[in-house]
N, C-alpha and C. Protein backbone atom coordinates (compact mmCIF):
# COMPACT_ATOMS: atom_id res chain seq x y z
N UNK A 1 93.96 103.78 177.07
CA UNK A 1 94.14 105.02 176.30
C UNK A 1 94.53 106.15 177.26
N UNK A 2 95.71 106.75 177.05
CA UNK A 2 96.15 107.82 177.93
C UNK A 2 95.49 109.15 177.55
N UNK A 3 95.81 110.21 178.30
CA UNK A 3 95.15 111.49 178.06
C UNK A 3 95.45 112.04 176.67
N UNK A 4 96.68 111.86 176.20
CA UNK A 4 97.04 112.34 174.86
C UNK A 4 96.20 111.63 173.81
N UNK A 5 96.04 110.33 173.96
CA UNK A 5 95.28 109.56 173.00
C UNK A 5 93.79 109.87 173.08
N UNK A 6 93.31 110.16 174.27
CA UNK A 6 91.92 110.59 174.42
C UNK A 6 91.68 111.89 173.65
N UNK A 7 92.65 112.79 173.72
CA UNK A 7 92.55 114.05 172.99
C UNK A 7 92.56 113.83 171.49
N UNK A 8 93.42 112.92 171.03
CA UNK A 8 93.47 112.60 169.60
C UNK A 8 92.18 111.95 169.13
N UNK A 9 91.64 111.08 169.97
CA UNK A 9 90.40 110.38 169.62
C UNK A 9 89.23 111.34 169.47
N UNK A 10 89.30 112.49 170.11
CA UNK A 10 88.22 113.47 169.99
C UNK A 10 88.09 113.96 168.55
N UNK A 11 89.19 113.92 167.79
CA UNK A 11 89.18 114.35 166.39
C UNK A 11 89.12 113.18 165.43
N UNK A 12 89.80 112.09 165.78
CA UNK A 12 89.90 110.96 164.87
C UNK A 12 88.82 109.91 165.08
N UNK A 13 88.31 109.80 166.30
CA UNK A 13 87.45 108.69 166.66
C UNK A 13 88.33 107.53 167.11
N UNK A 14 87.83 106.69 168.00
CA UNK A 14 88.65 105.63 168.57
C UNK A 14 89.06 104.59 167.52
N UNK A 15 88.18 104.22 166.63
CA UNK A 15 88.51 103.20 165.62
C UNK A 15 89.59 103.69 164.66
N UNK A 16 89.46 104.93 164.22
CA UNK A 16 90.46 105.50 163.31
C UNK A 16 91.81 105.62 164.01
N UNK A 17 91.80 106.07 165.24
CA UNK A 17 93.04 106.19 166.01
C UNK A 17 93.69 104.83 166.19
N UNK A 18 92.91 103.83 166.54
CA UNK A 18 93.45 102.49 166.72
C UNK A 18 94.11 101.99 165.44
N UNK A 19 93.50 102.29 164.30
CA UNK A 19 94.07 101.88 163.02
C UNK A 19 95.40 102.59 162.77
N UNK A 20 95.45 103.89 162.96
CA UNK A 20 96.70 104.63 162.76
C UNK A 20 97.80 104.11 163.69
N UNK A 21 97.43 103.73 164.89
CA UNK A 21 98.41 103.25 165.86
C UNK A 21 98.98 101.88 165.49
N UNK A 22 98.35 101.21 164.54
CA UNK A 22 98.85 99.90 164.10
C UNK A 22 99.93 100.03 163.03
N UNK A 23 100.11 101.23 162.49
CA UNK A 23 101.08 101.46 161.41
C UNK A 23 102.45 101.78 161.99
N UNK A 24 103.49 101.15 161.45
CA UNK A 24 104.86 101.42 161.90
C UNK A 24 105.56 102.30 160.87
N UNK A 25 106.10 103.40 161.35
CA UNK A 25 106.73 104.40 160.46
C UNK A 25 108.22 104.48 160.73
N UNK A 26 109.02 104.36 159.69
CA UNK A 26 110.46 104.55 159.81
C UNK A 26 110.83 106.00 159.53
N UNK A 27 111.62 106.59 160.40
CA UNK A 27 112.12 107.95 160.21
C UNK A 27 113.60 107.84 159.90
N UNK A 28 113.94 108.02 158.63
CA UNK A 28 115.31 107.83 158.16
C UNK A 28 116.07 109.15 158.20
N UNK A 29 116.60 109.47 159.36
CA UNK A 29 117.29 110.74 159.58
C UNK A 29 116.50 111.60 160.55
N UNK A 30 117.14 112.06 161.60
CA UNK A 30 116.46 112.82 162.66
C UNK A 30 116.89 114.27 162.68
N UNK A 31 117.12 114.85 161.50
CA UNK A 31 117.49 116.26 161.39
C UNK A 31 116.28 117.14 161.22
N UNK A 32 116.39 118.14 160.34
CA UNK A 32 115.31 119.10 160.17
C UNK A 32 114.01 118.47 159.70
N UNK A 33 114.09 117.67 158.65
CA UNK A 33 112.89 117.00 158.15
C UNK A 33 112.41 115.93 159.12
N UNK A 34 113.30 115.02 159.48
CA UNK A 34 112.90 113.88 160.29
C UNK A 34 112.34 114.24 161.66
N UNK A 35 112.99 115.19 162.34
CA UNK A 35 112.53 115.53 163.70
C UNK A 35 111.18 116.24 163.65
N UNK A 36 111.00 117.15 162.71
CA UNK A 36 109.73 117.86 162.60
C UNK A 36 108.62 116.96 162.10
N UNK A 37 108.91 116.12 161.12
CA UNK A 37 107.91 115.20 160.59
C UNK A 37 107.46 114.23 161.68
N UNK A 38 108.41 113.71 162.44
CA UNK A 38 108.06 112.77 163.51
C UNK A 38 107.09 113.39 164.51
N UNK A 39 107.32 114.65 164.86
CA UNK A 39 106.43 115.30 165.82
C UNK A 39 105.03 115.49 165.24
N UNK A 40 104.95 115.84 163.96
CA UNK A 40 103.63 115.96 163.32
C UNK A 40 102.91 114.61 163.31
N UNK A 41 103.65 113.55 163.07
CA UNK A 41 103.03 112.23 163.02
C UNK A 41 102.53 111.78 164.39
N UNK A 42 103.28 112.10 165.43
CA UNK A 42 102.82 111.79 166.79
C UNK A 42 101.52 112.53 167.06
N UNK A 43 101.47 113.80 166.70
CA UNK A 43 100.27 114.61 166.94
C UNK A 43 99.12 114.21 166.03
N UNK A 44 99.42 113.40 165.01
CA UNK A 44 98.38 112.92 164.09
C UNK A 44 97.80 111.57 164.52
N UNK A 45 98.37 110.97 165.56
CA UNK A 45 97.82 109.73 166.08
C UNK A 45 98.68 108.50 165.89
N UNK A 46 99.77 108.59 165.15
CA UNK A 46 100.62 107.43 164.95
C UNK A 46 101.41 107.13 166.23
N UNK A 47 101.72 105.87 166.41
CA UNK A 47 102.28 105.44 167.69
C UNK A 47 103.57 104.63 167.57
N UNK A 48 103.76 103.92 166.46
CA UNK A 48 104.90 103.02 166.31
C UNK A 48 105.93 103.63 165.37
N UNK A 49 107.15 103.76 165.85
CA UNK A 49 108.19 104.42 165.07
C UNK A 49 109.51 103.66 165.16
N UNK A 50 110.28 103.73 164.08
CA UNK A 50 111.66 103.26 164.04
C UNK A 50 112.51 104.45 163.62
N UNK A 51 113.43 104.87 164.49
CA UNK A 51 114.27 106.04 164.22
C UNK A 51 115.71 105.61 163.96
N UNK A 52 116.34 106.23 162.98
CA UNK A 52 117.77 105.99 162.78
C UNK A 52 118.48 107.30 162.48
N UNK A 53 119.58 107.52 163.17
CA UNK A 53 120.48 108.65 162.93
C UNK A 53 121.72 108.42 163.78
N UNK A 54 122.87 108.76 163.26
CA UNK A 54 124.12 108.56 163.99
C UNK A 54 124.58 109.80 164.74
N UNK A 55 123.96 110.95 164.46
CA UNK A 55 124.50 112.24 164.85
C UNK A 55 124.01 112.70 166.22
N UNK A 56 124.70 113.72 166.75
CA UNK A 56 124.30 114.37 167.99
C UNK A 56 123.73 115.76 167.67
N UNK A 57 122.92 116.28 168.56
CA UNK A 57 122.36 117.62 168.41
C UNK A 57 123.46 118.66 168.58
N UNK A 58 123.54 119.60 167.65
CA UNK A 58 124.49 120.71 167.73
C UNK A 58 123.72 122.03 167.80
N UNK A 59 124.39 123.05 168.30
CA UNK A 59 123.74 124.37 168.42
C UNK A 59 123.25 124.87 167.06
N UNK A 60 124.00 124.55 166.01
CA UNK A 60 123.62 125.00 164.66
C UNK A 60 122.36 124.31 164.15
N UNK A 61 121.94 123.25 164.81
CA UNK A 61 120.71 122.56 164.41
C UNK A 61 119.45 123.26 164.90
N UNK A 62 119.60 124.10 165.90
CA UNK A 62 118.42 124.66 166.57
C UNK A 62 117.65 125.65 165.71
N UNK A 63 118.22 126.05 164.57
CA UNK A 63 117.51 127.00 163.70
C UNK A 63 116.37 126.33 162.93
N UNK A 64 116.30 124.98 162.94
CA UNK A 64 115.28 124.31 162.13
C UNK A 64 114.86 122.93 162.65
N UNK A 65 115.62 122.35 163.55
CA UNK A 65 115.34 120.99 164.01
C UNK A 65 114.59 121.01 165.34
N UNK A 66 113.79 119.98 165.59
CA UNK A 66 112.90 119.97 166.75
C UNK A 66 113.66 119.54 168.00
N UNK A 67 114.58 120.40 168.42
CA UNK A 67 115.36 120.17 169.63
C UNK A 67 115.46 121.47 170.42
N UNK A 68 115.91 121.35 171.65
CA UNK A 68 116.07 122.52 172.52
C UNK A 68 117.52 122.66 172.93
N UNK A 69 117.85 123.82 173.46
CA UNK A 69 119.23 124.12 173.81
C UNK A 69 119.80 123.11 174.81
N UNK A 70 118.97 122.66 175.75
CA UNK A 70 119.50 121.73 176.76
C UNK A 70 119.71 120.32 176.19
N UNK A 71 119.32 120.09 174.92
CA UNK A 71 119.56 118.80 174.29
C UNK A 71 120.82 118.77 173.43
N UNK A 72 121.50 119.90 173.32
CA UNK A 72 122.75 119.94 172.55
C UNK A 72 123.73 118.95 173.16
N UNK A 73 124.31 118.13 172.31
CA UNK A 73 125.25 117.10 172.75
C UNK A 73 124.64 115.72 172.85
N UNK A 74 123.32 115.62 172.94
CA UNK A 74 122.65 114.33 173.00
C UNK A 74 122.57 113.72 171.60
N UNK A 75 122.52 112.40 171.54
CA UNK A 75 122.23 111.76 170.27
C UNK A 75 120.84 112.19 169.81
N UNK A 76 120.71 112.50 168.53
CA UNK A 76 119.43 112.99 168.03
C UNK A 76 118.31 111.98 168.23
N UNK A 77 118.61 110.72 168.02
CA UNK A 77 117.59 109.68 168.19
C UNK A 77 117.05 109.67 169.62
N UNK A 78 117.94 109.84 170.59
CA UNK A 78 117.52 109.85 172.00
C UNK A 78 116.73 111.12 172.30
N UNK A 79 117.24 112.26 171.86
CA UNK A 79 116.57 113.54 172.13
C UNK A 79 115.20 113.59 171.45
N UNK A 80 115.12 113.14 170.21
CA UNK A 80 113.85 113.15 169.50
C UNK A 80 112.84 112.24 170.19
N UNK A 81 113.29 111.08 170.63
CA UNK A 81 112.39 110.17 171.34
C UNK A 81 111.81 110.83 172.58
N UNK A 82 112.65 111.55 173.32
CA UNK A 82 112.18 112.25 174.51
C UNK A 82 111.09 113.27 174.15
N UNK A 83 111.31 114.00 173.07
CA UNK A 83 110.34 115.02 172.65
C UNK A 83 109.03 114.39 172.18
N UNK A 84 109.14 113.24 171.53
CA UNK A 84 107.95 112.52 171.10
C UNK A 84 107.18 111.96 172.29
N UNK A 85 107.89 111.38 173.24
CA UNK A 85 107.26 110.84 174.45
C UNK A 85 106.60 111.95 175.28
N UNK A 86 107.15 113.17 175.18
CA UNK A 86 106.57 114.28 175.93
C UNK A 86 105.16 114.61 175.45
N UNK A 87 104.87 114.28 174.18
CA UNK A 87 103.52 114.49 173.63
C UNK A 87 102.63 113.29 173.94
N UNK A 88 103.18 112.09 173.74
CA UNK A 88 102.43 110.87 174.02
C UNK A 88 103.36 109.83 174.65
N UNK A 89 103.26 109.63 175.96
CA UNK A 89 104.15 108.68 176.64
C UNK A 89 103.87 107.23 176.30
N UNK A 90 102.81 106.98 175.54
CA UNK A 90 102.46 105.61 175.18
C UNK A 90 103.03 105.14 173.87
N UNK A 91 103.97 105.87 173.30
CA UNK A 91 104.54 105.50 172.00
C UNK A 91 105.41 104.25 172.09
N UNK A 92 105.56 103.61 170.94
CA UNK A 92 106.46 102.46 170.79
C UNK A 92 107.55 102.88 169.82
N UNK A 93 108.75 103.19 170.34
CA UNK A 93 109.84 103.72 169.52
C UNK A 93 111.04 102.78 169.56
N UNK A 94 111.51 102.37 168.39
CA UNK A 94 112.74 101.60 168.28
C UNK A 94 113.84 102.54 167.82
N UNK A 95 114.95 102.56 168.52
CA UNK A 95 116.03 103.53 168.26
C UNK A 95 117.25 102.84 167.66
N UNK A 96 117.79 103.45 166.63
CA UNK A 96 119.04 102.97 166.02
C UNK A 96 120.00 104.14 165.94
N UNK A 97 121.03 104.13 166.78
CA UNK A 97 122.06 105.17 166.74
C UNK A 97 123.19 104.65 165.87
N UNK A 98 123.04 104.82 164.59
CA UNK A 98 124.02 104.32 163.63
C UNK A 98 123.80 104.99 162.28
N UNK A 99 124.76 104.81 161.40
CA UNK A 99 124.65 105.34 160.06
C UNK A 99 123.80 104.42 159.20
N UNK A 100 122.85 104.96 158.49
CA UNK A 100 122.02 104.17 157.59
C UNK A 100 122.81 103.86 156.32
N UNK A 101 122.76 102.62 155.88
CA UNK A 101 123.45 102.19 154.67
C UNK A 101 122.51 101.31 153.85
N UNK A 102 122.89 101.08 152.62
CA UNK A 102 122.11 100.18 151.77
C UNK A 102 122.07 98.78 152.36
N UNK A 103 123.08 98.44 153.13
CA UNK A 103 123.16 97.10 153.73
C UNK A 103 122.24 96.93 154.93
N UNK A 104 122.21 97.94 155.81
CA UNK A 104 121.43 97.76 157.05
C UNK A 104 119.98 98.24 156.96
N UNK A 105 119.65 99.08 155.99
CA UNK A 105 118.29 99.62 155.94
C UNK A 105 117.20 98.56 155.74
N UNK A 106 117.41 97.55 154.89
CA UNK A 106 116.36 96.55 154.74
C UNK A 106 116.00 95.87 156.06
N UNK A 107 116.99 95.62 156.90
CA UNK A 107 116.72 95.00 158.20
C UNK A 107 116.08 95.98 159.17
N UNK A 108 116.62 97.20 159.22
CA UNK A 108 116.12 98.19 160.18
C UNK A 108 114.66 98.54 159.93
N UNK A 109 114.29 98.67 158.66
CA UNK A 109 112.93 99.10 158.32
C UNK A 109 112.03 97.94 157.88
N UNK A 110 112.41 96.72 158.20
CA UNK A 110 111.68 95.55 157.71
C UNK A 110 110.23 95.51 158.18
N UNK A 111 109.95 96.03 159.38
CA UNK A 111 108.60 95.98 159.93
C UNK A 111 107.80 97.27 159.65
N UNK A 112 108.38 98.19 158.92
CA UNK A 112 107.72 99.47 158.67
C UNK A 112 106.85 99.42 157.43
N UNK A 113 105.66 99.98 157.53
CA UNK A 113 104.82 100.15 156.36
C UNK A 113 105.16 101.44 155.61
N UNK A 114 105.78 102.38 156.32
CA UNK A 114 106.10 103.70 155.77
C UNK A 114 107.54 104.06 156.11
N UNK A 115 108.21 104.74 155.19
CA UNK A 115 109.54 105.27 155.47
C UNK A 115 109.58 106.74 155.07
N UNK A 116 109.95 107.59 156.01
CA UNK A 116 110.17 109.02 155.74
C UNK A 116 111.63 109.20 155.41
N UNK A 117 111.93 109.59 154.19
CA UNK A 117 113.31 109.86 153.79
C UNK A 117 113.66 111.27 154.23
N UNK A 118 114.62 111.37 155.15
CA UNK A 118 114.99 112.67 155.72
C UNK A 118 116.50 112.80 155.84
N UNK A 119 117.21 112.29 154.86
CA UNK A 119 118.67 112.34 154.86
C UNK A 119 119.18 113.64 154.22
N UNK A 120 120.44 113.97 154.52
CA UNK A 120 121.10 115.12 153.89
C UNK A 120 121.81 114.72 152.60
N UNK A 121 122.48 113.58 152.62
CA UNK A 121 123.32 113.17 151.49
C UNK A 121 122.49 112.58 150.36
N UNK A 122 122.75 113.05 149.14
CA UNK A 122 122.01 112.58 147.97
C UNK A 122 122.23 111.09 147.74
N UNK A 123 123.43 110.60 148.03
CA UNK A 123 123.73 109.19 147.77
C UNK A 123 122.84 108.26 148.59
N UNK A 124 122.70 108.55 149.87
CA UNK A 124 121.89 107.67 150.72
C UNK A 124 120.41 107.87 150.47
N UNK A 125 120.02 109.10 150.07
CA UNK A 125 118.63 109.33 149.65
C UNK A 125 118.28 108.39 148.50
N UNK A 126 119.13 108.39 147.50
CA UNK A 126 118.91 107.56 146.31
C UNK A 126 118.91 106.08 146.68
N UNK A 127 119.81 105.70 147.57
CA UNK A 127 119.91 104.31 147.98
C UNK A 127 118.63 103.85 148.68
N UNK A 128 118.08 104.70 149.53
CA UNK A 128 116.84 104.34 150.23
C UNK A 128 115.71 104.12 149.23
N UNK A 129 115.56 105.05 148.31
CA UNK A 129 114.47 104.95 147.32
C UNK A 129 114.65 103.70 146.47
N UNK A 130 115.86 103.46 146.00
CA UNK A 130 116.11 102.29 145.15
C UNK A 130 115.87 100.99 145.91
N UNK A 131 116.16 100.99 147.21
CA UNK A 131 115.99 99.79 148.01
C UNK A 131 114.52 99.44 148.22
N UNK A 132 113.71 100.46 148.50
CA UNK A 132 112.34 100.19 148.92
C UNK A 132 111.27 100.45 147.86
N UNK A 133 111.62 101.08 146.76
CA UNK A 133 110.62 101.35 145.73
C UNK A 133 109.97 100.07 145.20
N UNK A 134 110.73 98.98 145.03
CA UNK A 134 110.09 97.75 144.53
C UNK A 134 109.18 97.07 145.56
N UNK A 135 109.18 97.52 146.78
CA UNK A 135 108.35 96.91 147.82
C UNK A 135 107.00 97.61 147.87
N UNK A 136 106.16 97.18 148.81
CA UNK A 136 104.86 97.84 148.98
C UNK A 136 104.89 98.89 150.07
N UNK A 137 106.08 99.25 150.55
CA UNK A 137 106.20 100.28 151.57
C UNK A 137 105.94 101.66 150.97
N UNK A 138 105.29 102.53 151.73
CA UNK A 138 105.08 103.91 151.30
C UNK A 138 106.34 104.72 151.60
N UNK A 139 106.90 105.37 150.58
CA UNK A 139 108.11 106.17 150.73
C UNK A 139 107.75 107.63 150.51
N UNK A 140 108.14 108.48 151.46
CA UNK A 140 107.89 109.91 151.33
C UNK A 140 109.22 110.63 151.46
N UNK A 141 109.72 111.15 150.35
CA UNK A 141 111.05 111.76 150.30
C UNK A 141 110.92 113.27 150.11
N UNK A 142 112.07 113.95 150.14
CA UNK A 142 112.07 115.40 149.95
C UNK A 142 113.29 115.82 149.14
N UNK A 143 113.11 116.87 148.34
CA UNK A 143 114.22 117.41 147.55
C UNK A 143 113.93 118.86 147.20
N UNK A 144 114.87 119.74 147.52
CA UNK A 144 114.71 121.15 147.20
C UNK A 144 113.94 121.90 148.26
N UNK A 145 114.59 122.12 149.42
CA UNK A 145 113.91 122.79 150.54
C UNK A 145 114.76 123.92 151.11
N UNK A 146 115.75 124.37 150.35
CA UNK A 146 116.67 125.37 150.86
C UNK A 146 116.16 126.80 150.72
N UNK A 147 116.74 127.70 151.51
CA UNK A 147 116.49 129.12 151.39
C UNK A 147 115.21 129.60 152.03
N UNK A 148 114.86 130.86 151.74
CA UNK A 148 113.66 131.50 152.29
C UNK A 148 112.91 132.19 151.16
N UNK A 149 111.62 132.39 151.37
CA UNK A 149 110.78 133.01 150.34
C UNK A 149 110.25 131.97 149.37
N UNK A 150 109.20 132.35 148.65
CA UNK A 150 108.58 131.46 147.66
C UNK A 150 108.21 130.11 148.27
N UNK A 151 107.67 130.13 149.46
CA UNK A 151 107.33 128.88 150.15
C UNK A 151 106.26 128.10 149.38
N UNK A 152 105.50 128.79 148.53
CA UNK A 152 104.46 128.09 147.77
C UNK A 152 105.05 127.18 146.70
N UNK A 153 106.37 127.24 146.49
CA UNK A 153 107.00 126.32 145.53
C UNK A 153 107.24 124.95 146.16
N UNK A 154 107.06 124.82 147.46
CA UNK A 154 107.17 123.52 148.12
C UNK A 154 105.89 122.74 147.83
N UNK A 155 106.00 121.76 146.94
CA UNK A 155 104.84 121.01 146.48
C UNK A 155 104.99 119.53 146.81
N UNK A 156 103.87 118.84 146.80
CA UNK A 156 103.85 117.39 146.98
C UNK A 156 103.56 116.75 145.64
N UNK A 157 104.45 115.85 145.21
CA UNK A 157 104.29 115.19 143.92
C UNK A 157 104.18 113.68 144.12
N UNK A 158 103.16 113.08 143.55
CA UNK A 158 103.02 111.63 143.57
C UNK A 158 103.77 111.06 142.38
N UNK A 159 104.86 110.37 142.66
CA UNK A 159 105.70 109.80 141.59
C UNK A 159 105.17 108.42 141.20
N UNK A 160 104.87 107.62 142.21
CA UNK A 160 104.25 106.31 142.01
C UNK A 160 103.24 106.10 143.14
N UNK A 161 102.52 105.00 143.07
CA UNK A 161 101.51 104.75 144.11
C UNK A 161 102.12 104.71 145.50
N UNK A 162 103.37 104.26 145.60
CA UNK A 162 104.01 104.15 146.92
C UNK A 162 105.19 105.12 147.09
N UNK A 163 105.26 106.16 146.24
CA UNK A 163 106.41 107.07 146.30
C UNK A 163 105.97 108.50 146.06
N UNK A 164 106.21 109.35 147.06
CA UNK A 164 105.89 110.78 146.99
C UNK A 164 107.16 111.59 147.22
N UNK A 165 107.23 112.75 146.55
CA UNK A 165 108.33 113.68 146.73
C UNK A 165 107.78 115.04 147.15
N UNK A 166 108.44 115.65 148.13
CA UNK A 166 108.06 116.98 148.62
C UNK A 166 109.21 117.94 148.40
N UNK A 167 108.93 119.15 147.94
CA UNK A 167 109.96 120.17 147.75
C UNK A 167 109.75 120.92 146.45
N UNK A 168 110.71 121.77 146.11
CA UNK A 168 110.61 122.46 144.82
C UNK A 168 111.46 121.76 143.76
N UNK A 169 112.16 120.70 144.16
CA UNK A 169 112.95 119.83 143.29
C UNK A 169 114.19 120.49 142.70
N UNK A 170 114.53 121.70 143.16
CA UNK A 170 115.70 122.37 142.57
C UNK A 170 116.56 123.12 143.58
N UNK A 171 115.97 123.70 144.62
CA UNK A 171 116.74 124.55 145.54
C UNK A 171 117.32 123.72 146.68
N UNK A 172 118.44 123.06 146.40
CA UNK A 172 119.09 122.26 147.43
C UNK A 172 119.72 123.17 148.48
N UNK A 173 119.84 122.66 149.68
CA UNK A 173 120.45 123.43 150.76
C UNK A 173 121.95 123.64 150.48
N UNK A 174 122.41 124.88 150.66
CA UNK A 174 123.80 125.25 150.39
C UNK A 174 124.11 126.51 151.18
N UNK A 175 125.32 127.01 151.05
CA UNK A 175 125.68 128.26 151.71
C UNK A 175 124.85 129.42 151.15
N UNK A 176 124.50 129.34 149.88
CA UNK A 176 123.69 130.38 149.26
C UNK A 176 122.21 130.23 149.64
N UNK A 177 121.79 129.01 149.86
CA UNK A 177 120.40 128.72 150.23
C UNK A 177 120.39 127.80 151.46
N UNK A 178 120.66 128.38 152.62
CA UNK A 178 120.74 127.56 153.84
C UNK A 178 119.39 126.94 154.19
N UNK A 179 119.42 125.88 154.99
CA UNK A 179 118.17 125.29 155.47
C UNK A 179 117.60 126.14 156.61
N UNK A 180 116.51 126.82 156.37
CA UNK A 180 115.86 127.65 157.37
C UNK A 180 114.58 126.96 157.87
N UNK A 181 114.19 127.32 159.07
CA UNK A 181 113.06 126.66 159.71
C UNK A 181 111.77 126.68 158.90
N UNK A 182 111.35 127.83 158.33
CA UNK A 182 110.04 127.84 157.66
C UNK A 182 109.89 126.81 156.54
N UNK A 183 110.82 126.81 155.58
CA UNK A 183 110.68 125.87 154.46
C UNK A 183 110.90 124.42 154.89
N UNK A 184 111.83 124.21 155.80
CA UNK A 184 112.06 122.85 156.29
C UNK A 184 110.83 122.34 157.01
N UNK A 185 110.24 123.19 157.85
CA UNK A 185 109.05 122.77 158.61
C UNK A 185 107.85 122.53 157.69
N UNK A 186 107.70 123.37 156.67
CA UNK A 186 106.62 123.18 155.70
C UNK A 186 106.79 121.83 155.00
N UNK A 187 108.00 121.54 154.59
CA UNK A 187 108.27 120.28 153.89
C UNK A 187 108.00 119.08 154.79
N UNK A 188 108.45 119.17 156.04
CA UNK A 188 108.22 118.08 156.99
C UNK A 188 106.73 117.88 157.24
N UNK A 189 106.00 118.99 157.35
CA UNK A 189 104.55 118.89 157.56
C UNK A 189 103.87 118.26 156.36
N UNK A 190 104.34 118.58 155.16
CA UNK A 190 103.76 117.98 153.96
C UNK A 190 104.06 116.49 153.89
N UNK A 191 105.25 116.09 154.31
CA UNK A 191 105.56 114.66 154.36
C UNK A 191 104.59 113.95 155.31
N UNK A 192 104.38 114.54 156.49
CA UNK A 192 103.46 113.94 157.46
C UNK A 192 102.04 113.91 156.91
N UNK A 193 101.65 114.95 156.19
CA UNK A 193 100.30 115.02 155.64
C UNK A 193 100.06 113.93 154.60
N UNK A 194 101.07 113.62 153.80
CA UNK A 194 100.94 112.53 152.83
C UNK A 194 100.61 111.23 153.56
N UNK A 195 101.35 110.97 154.63
CA UNK A 195 101.16 109.72 155.37
C UNK A 195 99.80 109.68 156.05
N UNK A 196 99.43 110.76 156.71
CA UNK A 196 98.14 110.80 157.40
C UNK A 196 96.99 110.63 156.41
N UNK A 197 97.00 111.38 155.33
CA UNK A 197 95.91 111.30 154.36
C UNK A 197 95.85 109.93 153.70
N UNK A 198 97.02 109.33 153.46
CA UNK A 198 97.07 108.00 152.84
C UNK A 198 96.35 106.97 153.71
N UNK A 199 96.64 106.99 155.00
CA UNK A 199 96.06 105.97 155.88
C UNK A 199 94.63 106.30 156.31
N UNK A 200 94.27 107.55 156.35
CA UNK A 200 92.87 107.88 156.59
C UNK A 200 92.02 107.39 155.42
N UNK A 201 92.55 107.54 154.20
CA UNK A 201 91.82 107.06 153.02
C UNK A 201 91.71 105.54 153.03
N UNK A 202 92.79 104.85 153.44
CA UNK A 202 92.75 103.39 153.50
C UNK A 202 91.76 102.93 154.55
N UNK A 203 91.67 103.65 155.65
CA UNK A 203 90.72 103.28 156.70
C UNK A 203 89.30 103.41 156.18
N UNK A 204 89.03 104.50 155.50
CA UNK A 204 87.67 104.72 154.99
C UNK A 204 87.30 103.66 153.95
N UNK A 205 88.30 103.22 153.18
CA UNK A 205 88.03 102.27 152.11
C UNK A 205 87.93 100.83 152.61
N UNK A 206 88.80 100.48 153.56
CA UNK A 206 88.90 99.08 153.96
C UNK A 206 88.65 98.84 155.45
N UNK A 207 88.26 99.84 156.18
CA UNK A 207 88.10 99.66 157.61
C UNK A 207 89.43 99.50 158.28
N UNK A 208 89.61 98.52 159.10
CA UNK A 208 90.86 98.32 159.83
C UNK A 208 91.78 97.35 159.15
N UNK A 209 91.54 97.01 157.89
CA UNK A 209 92.42 96.13 157.14
C UNK A 209 93.48 96.96 156.44
N UNK A 210 94.77 96.64 156.63
CA UNK A 210 95.85 97.40 156.01
C UNK A 210 95.86 97.16 154.51
């Protein structure tokens, strides 16, 4: 157990931390939602991650995504992994620098118990949900996180036992309602909170049995 994990264990306890570290989480998109959610999950004790994104960090991403100026130009998956390792160097991260599709997602996320939907395009968002909803994987998606103000409209909704939605469900990101850091970060934190609370409850109910 490294120093970061010792610090986490002070709040979680060693048994609870060990259980969380056994869960593999897929981060589907490493932009505003995915990068911020991933960092919250690392700080919550999770250790195993599968990241997918084809894009590179741009200066315009720095208003809401968990990157720094010196990472502009790097692949987001690589840059995000570095930032995650900076918190806990003992992480197990699988990186996929490619476009997520309905064809490759079942293979990429096959070992994941959880998938964080953090895509921009509605088509691939829908494809991810349709692909994994019939499975026993926990899916945490987001919709309606654009603009500023009325942050209390960002809610968490349980759609099914294995499917949660975060957002106001109506204010999509656009030129009129750009993606700003506060609402994006709130939504990402709520996605992480769903996952953390889900597995803490499972631990309390079943011990270390998934």
